[in-house]
Amino acid sequence: MAAFSCPAGITLKEQALWRLTNVPLAREVVTVVSQGESKEVATVRPRGAWYLSVGQGMGKTILVAGEKQAYTLADRGTYYSLALAEPPRTDLVIVHEGDPNLHNPYGVIAVNPDKHPGGSFEGAKKYIEWITSPEVQAMIGRYRVGGKVLFHPNALRARAE
């Protein structure tokens, strides 16, 4: 049985989960390139040929894992968009969910206008106000694919804490 690594959006969560296990890990340094600038980033991955990295987005990772009948860590939205498609594009099934260690919250932060003068700081603040508003948080909580909840809004809870 193989297991596949995940694309960037979920990679940090995957690495945190591996660190919670007793699986022997290999440390690697990878180069990430963004807007023409490269940066070296330390990562971990399980040792052994059983662990494979697809190097693609979440959708392709799920499809490859399905072809290999392997396991992968996936976000709900991408998984359900494939599993509930007509016809279904994957026959993988969820084997574990609901564990607090699997929570992978999204966040929104305005970038520092001194460091990124080309952006719209005022526009970013308006977007943050909109996305964290009670109305939009309620819309996000009601959003379903095939009757399945994709996101659990928490901006209101974060404000209260």
N, C-alpha and C. Protein backbone atom coordinates (compact mmCIF):
# COMPACT_ATOMS: atom_id res chain seq x y z
N MET A 1 0.84 -1.17 0.00
CA MET A 1 0.00 0.00 0.00
C MET A 1 0.89 1.24 0.00
N ALA A 2 0.52 2.21 -0.77
CA ALA A 2 1.29 3.45 -0.84
C ALA A 2 0.51 4.57 -0.17
N ALA A 3 1.22 5.60 0.17
CA ALA A 3 0.61 6.83 0.68
C ALA A 3 1.22 7.97 -0.11
N PHE A 4 0.43 8.99 -0.37
CA PHE A 4 0.88 10.09 -1.18
C PHE A 4 0.92 11.37 -0.38
N SER A 5 1.94 12.19 -0.67
CA SER A 5 2.00 13.49 -0.03
C SER A 5 1.01 14.43 -0.70
N CYS A 6 0.78 15.53 -0.06
CA CYS A 6 -0.25 16.47 -0.45
C CYS A 6 0.34 17.74 -1.03
N PRO A 7 -0.46 18.48 -1.80
CA PRO A 7 0.02 19.74 -2.34
C PRO A 7 0.19 20.81 -1.26
N ALA A 8 0.73 21.94 -1.67
CA ALA A 8 1.17 22.98 -0.73
C ALA A 8 0.11 23.42 0.28
N GLY A 9 -1.14 23.53 -0.13
CA GLY A 9 -2.16 24.04 0.77
C GLY A 9 -2.36 23.22 2.03
N ILE A 10 -1.96 21.98 2.00
CA ILE A 10 -2.19 21.10 3.13
C ILE A 10 -0.88 20.48 3.64
N THR A 11 0.23 20.85 3.01
CA THR A 11 1.53 20.26 3.34
C THR A 11 1.94 20.49 4.79
N LEU A 12 1.75 21.69 5.30
CA LEU A 12 2.14 21.95 6.69
C LEU A 12 1.35 21.07 7.65
N LYS A 13 0.06 20.88 7.39
CA LYS A 13 -0.74 20.01 8.24
C LYS A 13 -0.24 18.58 8.14
N GLU A 14 0.06 18.13 6.94
CA GLU A 14 0.56 16.77 6.77
C GLU A 14 1.85 16.57 7.56
N GLN A 15 2.76 17.53 7.48
CA GLN A 15 4.02 17.40 8.20
C GLN A 15 3.80 17.40 9.71
N ALA A 16 2.89 18.21 10.19
CA ALA A 16 2.59 18.21 11.62
C ALA A 16 2.04 16.85 12.05
N LEU A 17 1.21 16.23 11.22
CA LEU A 17 0.66 14.92 11.55
C LEU A 17 1.76 13.85 11.56
N TRP A 18 2.67 13.90 10.58
CA TRP A 18 3.77 12.91 10.58
C TRP A 18 4.60 13.04 11.85
N ARG A 19 4.79 14.26 12.32
CA ARG A 19 5.60 14.46 13.53
C ARG A 19 4.92 13.87 14.77
N LEU A 20 3.61 13.66 14.72
CA LEU A 20 2.88 13.06 15.84
C LEU A 20 2.99 11.54 15.86
N THR A 21 3.53 10.96 14.79
CA THR A 21 3.60 9.50 14.68
C THR A 21 4.97 8.98 15.12
N ASN A 22 5.08 7.67 15.13
CA ASN A 22 6.37 7.01 15.38
C ASN A 22 7.01 6.56 14.07
N VAL A 23 6.49 7.05 12.94
CA VAL A 23 7.04 6.68 11.64
C VAL A 23 8.40 7.37 11.47
N PRO A 24 9.44 6.62 11.07
CA PRO A 24 10.75 7.24 10.84
C PRO A 24 10.65 8.30 9.73
N LEU A 25 11.16 9.49 10.02
CA LEU A 25 11.05 10.60 9.07
C LEU A 25 12.41 10.98 8.51
N ALA A 26 12.40 11.40 7.26
CA ALA A 26 13.59 11.95 6.61
C ALA A 26 13.39 13.46 6.52
N ARG A 27 14.43 14.19 6.83
CA ARG A 27 14.37 15.64 6.71
C ARG A 27 14.94 16.03 5.35
N GLU A 28 14.25 16.96 4.69
CA GLU A 28 14.68 17.42 3.38
C GLU A 28 14.62 18.94 3.35
N VAL A 29 15.41 19.52 2.50
CA VAL A 29 15.32 20.95 2.24
C VAL A 29 14.90 21.09 0.79
N VAL A 30 13.78 21.77 0.57
CA VAL A 30 13.28 21.99 -0.78
C VAL A 30 13.34 23.47 -1.09
N THR A 31 13.44 23.79 -2.38
CA THR A 31 13.47 25.18 -2.82
C THR A 31 12.09 25.54 -3.33
N VAL A 32 11.52 26.59 -2.77
CA VAL A 32 10.22 27.10 -3.19
C VAL A 32 10.46 28.40 -3.94
N VAL A 33 9.84 28.53 -5.12
CA VAL A 33 10.00 29.75 -5.91
C VAL A 33 8.65 30.45 -5.97
N SER A 34 8.64 31.72 -5.58
CA SER A 34 7.43 32.53 -5.61
C SER A 34 7.79 33.93 -6.11
N GLN A 35 7.10 34.36 -7.13
CA GLN A 35 7.31 35.68 -7.72
C GLN A 35 8.78 35.93 -8.04
N GLY A 36 9.42 34.92 -8.60
CA GLY A 36 10.81 35.05 -9.02
C GLY A 36 11.83 34.92 -7.91
N GLU A 37 11.39 34.81 -6.67
CA GLU A 37 12.32 34.67 -5.55
C GLU A 37 12.28 33.22 -5.06
N SER A 38 13.46 32.67 -4.76
CA SER A 38 13.51 31.31 -4.25
C SER A 38 13.89 31.33 -2.77
N LYS A 39 13.35 30.35 -2.06
CA LYS A 39 13.60 30.24 -0.63
C LYS A 39 13.71 28.76 -0.30
N GLU A 40 14.67 28.42 0.56
CA GLU A 40 14.81 27.04 1.00
C GLU A 40 13.94 26.81 2.22
N VAL A 41 13.21 25.70 2.21
CA VAL A 41 12.28 25.37 3.28
C VAL A 41 12.57 23.95 3.75
N ALA A 42 12.69 23.77 5.06
CA ALA A 42 12.92 22.44 5.63
C ALA A 42 11.58 21.70 5.71
N THR A 43 11.58 20.44 5.29
CA THR A 43 10.38 19.61 5.34
C THR A 43 10.73 18.25 5.92
N VAL A 44 9.70 17.49 6.26
CA VAL A 44 9.89 16.10 6.65
C VAL A 44 8.99 15.23 5.80
N ARG A 45 9.42 13.99 5.63
CA ARG A 45 8.62 13.01 4.91
C ARG A 45 8.97 11.65 5.47
N PRO A 46 8.03 10.72 5.42
CA PRO A 46 8.34 9.36 5.90
C PRO A 46 9.44 8.73 5.05
N ARG A 47 10.25 7.92 5.72
CA ARG A 47 11.29 7.17 5.01
C ARG A 47 10.64 5.96 4.33
N GLY A 48 11.16 5.57 3.20
CA GLY A 48 10.70 4.35 2.56
C GLY A 48 10.06 4.59 1.21
N ALA A 49 10.11 3.55 0.39
CA ALA A 49 9.57 3.62 -0.97
C ALA A 49 8.04 3.62 -0.99
N TRP A 50 7.41 3.28 0.12
CA TRP A 50 5.95 3.24 0.18
C TRP A 50 5.34 4.63 0.12
N TYR A 51 6.11 5.65 0.43
CA TYR A 51 5.61 7.03 0.45
C TYR A 51 5.99 7.72 -0.86
N LEU A 52 4.99 8.23 -1.55
CA LEU A 52 5.22 8.85 -2.85
C LEU A 52 4.72 10.29 -2.84
N SER A 53 5.40 11.14 -3.56
CA SER A 53 4.98 12.53 -3.72
C SER A 53 4.52 12.73 -5.16
N VAL A 54 3.28 13.14 -5.34
CA VAL A 54 2.74 13.33 -6.67
C VAL A 54 3.27 14.61 -7.30
N GLY A 55 3.46 15.65 -6.49
CA GLY A 55 3.95 16.92 -7.01
C GLY A 55 2.92 17.66 -7.83
N GLN A 56 1.65 17.40 -7.58
CA GLN A 56 0.56 18.04 -8.32
C GLN A 56 -0.43 18.62 -7.33
N GLY A 57 -1.52 19.14 -7.82
CA GLY A 57 -2.57 19.68 -6.96
C GLY A 57 -3.34 18.59 -6.25
N MET A 58 -4.22 19.01 -5.35
CA MET A 58 -4.99 18.06 -4.54
C MET A 58 -5.85 17.14 -5.40
N GLY A 59 -6.51 17.66 -6.42
CA GLY A 59 -7.36 16.82 -7.27
C GLY A 59 -6.57 15.70 -7.93
N LYS A 60 -5.44 16.03 -8.51
CA LYS A 60 -4.60 15.00 -9.15
C LYS A 60 -4.06 14.03 -8.12
N THR A 61 -3.72 14.53 -6.94
CA THR A 61 -3.23 13.64 -5.88
C THR A 61 -4.29 12.61 -5.52
N ILE A 62 -5.53 13.04 -5.38
CA ILE A 62 -6.64 12.10 -5.07
C ILE A 62 -6.81 11.10 -6.21
N LEU A 63 -6.76 11.57 -7.45
CA LEU A 63 -6.94 10.66 -8.59
C LEU A 63 -5.83 9.62 -8.65
N VAL A 64 -4.58 10.04 -8.43
CA VAL A 64 -3.47 9.08 -8.45
C VAL A 64 -3.60 8.10 -7.29
N ALA A 65 -3.95 8.60 -6.10
CA ALA A 65 -4.15 7.71 -4.95
C ALA A 65 -5.24 6.69 -5.26
N GLY A 66 -6.30 7.12 -5.95
CA GLY A 66 -7.36 6.19 -6.34
C GLY A 66 -6.87 5.13 -7.31
N GLU A 67 -6.07 5.55 -8.28
CA GLU A 67 -5.53 4.59 -9.25
C GLU A 67 -4.64 3.56 -8.56
N LYS A 68 -3.88 3.99 -7.56
CA LYS A 68 -2.97 3.10 -6.85
C LYS A 68 -3.63 2.41 -5.66
N GLN A 69 -4.92 2.76 -5.40
CA GLN A 69 -5.62 2.28 -4.20
C GLN A 69 -4.78 2.54 -2.95
N ALA A 70 -4.34 3.78 -2.84
CA ALA A 70 -3.48 4.23 -1.75
C ALA A 70 -4.26 5.18 -0.84
N TYR A 71 -3.60 5.64 0.19
CA TYR A 71 -4.16 6.63 1.11
C TYR A 71 -3.57 8.00 0.78
N THR A 72 -4.33 9.05 1.05
CA THR A 72 -3.81 10.39 0.97
C THR A 72 -4.58 11.27 1.95
N LEU A 73 -3.96 12.34 2.35
CA LEU A 73 -4.62 13.34 3.18
C LEU A 73 -5.21 14.35 2.22
N ALA A 74 -6.51 14.62 2.36
CA ALA A 74 -7.19 15.49 1.39
C ALA A 74 -8.12 16.46 2.10
N ASP A 75 -8.37 17.57 1.44
CA ASP A 75 -9.38 18.49 1.95
C ASP A 75 -10.76 18.03 1.48
N ARG A 76 -11.76 18.35 2.27
CA ARG A 76 -13.12 17.89 2.00
C ARG A 76 -13.66 18.39 0.66
N GLY A 77 -13.41 19.65 0.35
CA GLY A 77 -13.96 20.24 -0.86
C GLY A 77 -13.50 19.52 -2.12
N THR A 78 -12.21 19.31 -2.22
CA THR A 78 -11.67 18.64 -3.41
C THR A 78 -12.13 17.19 -3.46
N TYR A 79 -12.08 16.52 -2.31
CA TYR A 79 -12.52 15.12 -2.28
C TYR A 79 -13.98 15.00 -2.74
N TYR A 80 -14.87 15.78 -2.14
CA TYR A 80 -16.29 15.66 -2.49
C TYR A 80 -16.57 16.09 -3.93
N SER A 81 -15.81 17.05 -4.45
CA SER A 81 -16.03 17.45 -5.84
C SER A 81 -15.72 16.30 -6.79
N LEU A 82 -14.83 15.40 -6.41
CA LEU A 82 -14.51 14.24 -7.23
C LEU A 82 -15.40 13.04 -6.92
N ALA A 83 -15.60 12.77 -5.64
CA ALA A 83 -16.36 11.59 -5.23
C ALA A 83 -17.85 11.72 -5.55
N LEU A 84 -18.38 12.93 -5.52
CA LEU A 84 -19.81 13.14 -5.74
C LEU A 84 -20.12 13.62 -7.16
N ALA A 85 -19.12 13.65 -8.03
CA ALA A 85 -19.34 14.04 -9.42
C ALA A 85 -20.20 12.98 -10.10
N GLU A 86 -20.83 13.36 -11.20
CA GLU A 86 -21.62 12.41 -12.00
C GLU A 86 -20.96 12.23 -13.35
N PRO A 87 -20.35 11.10 -13.63
CA PRO A 87 -20.11 9.97 -12.73
C PRO A 87 -18.98 10.29 -11.75
N PRO A 88 -18.90 9.55 -10.65
CA PRO A 88 -17.83 9.79 -9.68
C PRO A 88 -16.45 9.65 -10.33
N ARG A 89 -15.53 10.51 -9.96
CA ARG A 89 -14.17 10.47 -10.53
C ARG A 89 -13.20 9.75 -9.61
N THR A 90 -13.63 9.35 -8.42
CA THR A 90 -12.80 8.55 -7.53
C THR A 90 -13.69 7.61 -6.74
N ASP A 91 -13.15 6.45 -6.42
CA ASP A 91 -13.89 5.53 -5.55
C ASP A 91 -13.25 5.44 -4.17
N LEU A 92 -12.31 6.34 -3.90
CA LEU A 92 -11.73 6.38 -2.55
C LEU A 92 -12.82 6.72 -1.54
N VAL A 93 -12.66 6.22 -0.34
CA VAL A 93 -13.61 6.53 0.72
C VAL A 93 -12.85 7.16 1.89
N ILE A 94 -13.55 7.97 2.65
CA ILE A 94 -12.94 8.58 3.83
C ILE A 94 -12.77 7.49 4.89
N VAL A 95 -11.57 7.35 5.41
CA VAL A 95 -11.32 6.35 6.44
C VAL A 95 -11.19 6.97 7.83
N HIS A 96 -10.97 8.28 7.88
CA HIS A 96 -10.84 8.93 9.19
C HIS A 96 -11.13 10.41 9.04
N GLU A 97 -12.00 10.93 9.89
CA GLU A 97 -12.29 12.35 9.91
C GLU A 97 -12.81 12.73 11.29
N GLY A 98 -12.80 14.02 11.56
CA GLY A 98 -13.35 14.51 12.82
C GLY A 98 -12.34 14.65 13.94
N ASP A 99 -11.17 14.08 13.80
CA ASP A 99 -10.13 14.19 14.83
C ASP A 99 -9.66 15.64 14.90
N PRO A 100 -9.55 16.23 16.09
CA PRO A 100 -9.07 17.61 16.19
C PRO A 100 -7.70 17.84 15.55
N ASN A 101 -6.87 16.80 15.50
CA ASN A 101 -5.57 16.95 14.84
C ASN A 101 -5.70 17.17 13.34
N LEU A 102 -6.86 16.83 12.77
CA LEU A 102 -7.08 17.03 11.34
C LEU A 102 -7.63 18.42 11.02
N HIS A 103 -8.02 19.18 12.01
CA HIS A 103 -8.52 20.53 11.75
C HIS A 103 -7.42 21.34 11.09
N ASN A 104 -7.77 22.00 10.01
CA ASN A 104 -6.80 22.77 9.24
C ASN A 104 -7.46 24.09 8.86
N PRO A 105 -7.55 25.02 9.82
CA PRO A 105 -8.31 26.25 9.55
C PRO A 105 -7.67 27.14 8.50
N TYR A 106 -8.53 27.79 7.76
CA TYR A 106 -8.11 28.81 6.80
C TYR A 106 -8.06 30.13 7.55
N GLY A 107 -7.24 31.02 7.09
CA GLY A 107 -7.16 32.34 7.69
C GLY A 107 -7.01 33.39 6.61
N VAL A 108 -7.26 34.62 7.00
CA VAL A 108 -7.11 35.74 6.07
C VAL A 108 -6.38 36.86 6.81
N ILE A 109 -5.32 37.36 6.18
CA ILE A 109 -4.48 38.39 6.78
C ILE A 109 -4.14 39.42 5.71
N ALA A 110 -4.28 40.68 6.04
CA ALA A 110 -3.85 41.74 5.12
C ALA A 110 -2.33 41.82 5.17
N VAL A 111 -1.70 41.93 4.01
CA VAL A 111 -0.25 42.04 3.98
C VAL A 111 0.18 43.44 4.41
N ASN A 112 1.39 43.51 4.91
CA ASN A 112 1.95 44.77 5.37
C ASN A 112 2.16 45.69 4.17
N PRO A 113 1.48 46.85 4.14
CA PRO A 113 1.62 47.74 2.97
C PRO A 113 3.03 48.32 2.83
N ASP A 114 3.80 48.36 3.92
CA ASP A 114 5.18 48.84 3.81
C ASP A 114 6.06 47.84 3.07
N LYS A 115 5.74 46.54 3.22
CA LYS A 115 6.53 45.51 2.55
C LYS A 115 5.99 45.20 1.15
N HIS A 116 4.72 45.46 0.92
CA HIS A 116 4.09 45.18 -0.37
C HIS A 116 3.28 46.40 -0.81
N PRO A 117 3.97 47.45 -1.24
CA PRO A 117 3.28 48.70 -1.57
C PRO A 117 2.35 48.62 -2.78
N GLY A 118 2.49 47.59 -3.59
CA GLY A 118 1.64 47.46 -4.77
C GLY A 118 0.24 46.94 -4.47
N GLY A 119 0.03 46.45 -3.26
CA GLY A 119 -1.28 45.89 -2.91
C GLY A 119 -2.24 46.98 -2.43
N SER A 120 -3.46 46.58 -2.24
CA SER A 120 -4.48 47.51 -1.74
C SER A 120 -4.80 47.14 -0.29
N PHE A 121 -4.15 47.82 0.64
CA PHE A 121 -4.38 47.54 2.05
C PHE A 121 -5.83 47.84 2.45
N GLU A 122 -6.38 48.93 1.96
CA GLU A 122 -7.77 49.28 2.27
C GLU A 122 -8.73 48.23 1.69
N GLY A 123 -8.43 47.77 0.46
CA GLY A 123 -9.24 46.72 -0.15
C GLY A 123 -9.15 45.42 0.64
N ALA A 124 -7.96 45.11 1.13
CA ALA A 124 -7.77 43.90 1.93
C ALA A 124 -8.57 43.99 3.23
N LYS A 125 -8.55 45.14 3.87
CA LYS A 125 -9.31 45.31 5.11
C LYS A 125 -10.81 45.15 4.86
N LYS A 126 -11.30 45.70 3.74
CA LYS A 126 -12.73 45.55 3.40
C LYS A 126 -13.07 44.09 3.14
N TYR A 127 -12.18 43.38 2.45
CA TYR A 127 -12.42 41.96 2.18
C TYR A 127 -12.46 41.19 3.50
N ILE A 128 -11.54 41.47 4.40
CA ILE A 128 -11.51 40.78 5.70
C ILE A 128 -12.79 41.05 6.48
N GLU A 129 -13.24 42.29 6.48
CA GLU A 129 -14.51 42.62 7.15
C GLU A 129 -15.66 41.84 6.53
N TRP A 130 -15.67 41.74 5.20
CA TRP A 130 -16.76 41.05 4.50
C TRP A 130 -16.72 39.55 4.79
N ILE A 131 -15.55 38.91 4.61
CA ILE A 131 -15.47 37.44 4.74
C ILE A 131 -15.70 36.99 6.18
N THR A 132 -15.40 37.85 7.15
CA THR A 132 -15.60 37.48 8.56
C THR A 132 -16.92 37.99 9.12
N SER A 133 -17.74 38.62 8.28
CA SER A 133 -19.02 39.13 8.76
C SER A 133 -19.96 37.98 9.10
N PRO A 134 -20.88 38.18 10.04
CA PRO A 134 -21.82 37.11 10.39
C PRO A 134 -22.61 36.58 9.19
N GLU A 135 -22.98 37.45 8.26
CA GLU A 135 -23.76 37.02 7.09
C GLU A 135 -22.95 36.07 6.21
N VAL A 136 -21.71 36.44 5.92
CA VAL A 136 -20.89 35.60 5.04
C VAL A 136 -20.48 34.32 5.75
N GLN A 137 -20.17 34.41 7.04
CA GLN A 137 -19.83 33.20 7.79
C GLN A 137 -21.02 32.22 7.78
N ALA A 138 -22.23 32.74 7.88
CA ALA A 138 -23.42 31.88 7.81
C ALA A 138 -23.56 31.24 6.43
N MET A 139 -23.28 32.02 5.36
CA MET A 139 -23.33 31.47 4.00
C MET A 139 -22.31 30.36 3.84
N ILE A 140 -21.11 30.57 4.33
CA ILE A 140 -20.06 29.55 4.23
C ILE A 140 -20.50 28.28 4.96
N GLY A 141 -21.10 28.43 6.13
CA GLY A 141 -21.55 27.28 6.91
C GLY A 141 -22.68 26.52 6.25
N ARG A 142 -23.48 27.22 5.43
CA ARG A 142 -24.59 26.55 4.73
C ARG A 142 -24.17 25.89 3.43
N TYR A 143 -22.99 26.21 2.92
CA TYR A 143 -22.55 25.70 1.63
C TYR A 143 -22.34 24.19 1.69
N ARG A 144 -22.92 23.49 0.74
CA ARG A 144 -22.82 22.03 0.69
C ARG A 144 -22.51 21.59 -0.74
N VAL A 145 -21.88 20.44 -0.85
CA VAL A 145 -21.72 19.74 -2.12
C VAL A 145 -22.26 18.35 -1.88
N GLY A 146 -23.29 17.98 -2.63
CA GLY A 146 -23.92 16.68 -2.44
C GLY A 146 -24.43 16.49 -1.03
N GLY A 147 -24.87 17.58 -0.40
CA GLY A 147 -25.38 17.53 0.97
C GLY A 147 -24.29 17.49 2.03
N LYS A 148 -23.03 17.53 1.63
CA LYS A 148 -21.91 17.44 2.57
C LYS A 148 -21.37 18.83 2.90
N VAL A 149 -21.11 19.06 4.18
CA VAL A 149 -20.51 20.31 4.64
C VAL A 149 -19.05 20.34 4.22
N LEU A 150 -18.62 21.46 3.63
CA LEU A 150 -17.23 21.58 3.23
C LEU A 150 -16.40 22.41 4.20
N PHE A 151 -17.02 23.43 4.77
CA PHE A 151 -16.27 24.35 5.62
C PHE A 151 -17.04 24.61 6.90
N HIS A 152 -16.31 24.77 7.97
CA HIS A 152 -16.89 25.10 9.27
C HIS A 152 -16.38 26.48 9.66
N PRO A 153 -17.18 27.53 9.40
CA PRO A 153 -16.70 28.89 9.67
C PRO A 153 -16.41 29.10 11.15
N ASN A 154 -15.33 29.83 11.41
CA ASN A 154 -14.97 30.06 12.81
C ASN A 154 -14.58 31.50 13.10
N ALA A 155 -14.80 32.42 12.17
CA ALA A 155 -14.41 33.82 12.39
C ALA A 155 -15.16 34.42 13.57
N LEU A 156 -16.42 34.06 13.75
CA LEU A 156 -17.19 34.61 14.85
C LEU A 156 -16.68 34.10 16.17
N ARG A 157 -16.31 32.83 16.23
CA ARG A 157 -15.76 32.25 17.44
C ARG A 157 -14.41 32.88 17.77
N ALA A 158 -13.59 33.11 16.72
CA ALA A 158 -12.28 33.72 16.94
C ALA A 158 -12.42 35.14 17.48
N ARG A 159 -13.43 35.87 17.04
CA ARG A 159 -13.66 37.23 17.54
C ARG A 159 -14.01 37.21 19.02
N ALA A 160 -14.77 36.19 19.43
CA ALA A 160 -15.25 36.12 20.82
C ALA A 160 -14.12 35.74 21.76
N GLU A 161 -13.11 35.04 21.26
CA GLU A 161 -12.03 34.56 22.13
C GLU A 161 -11.04 35.62 22.43
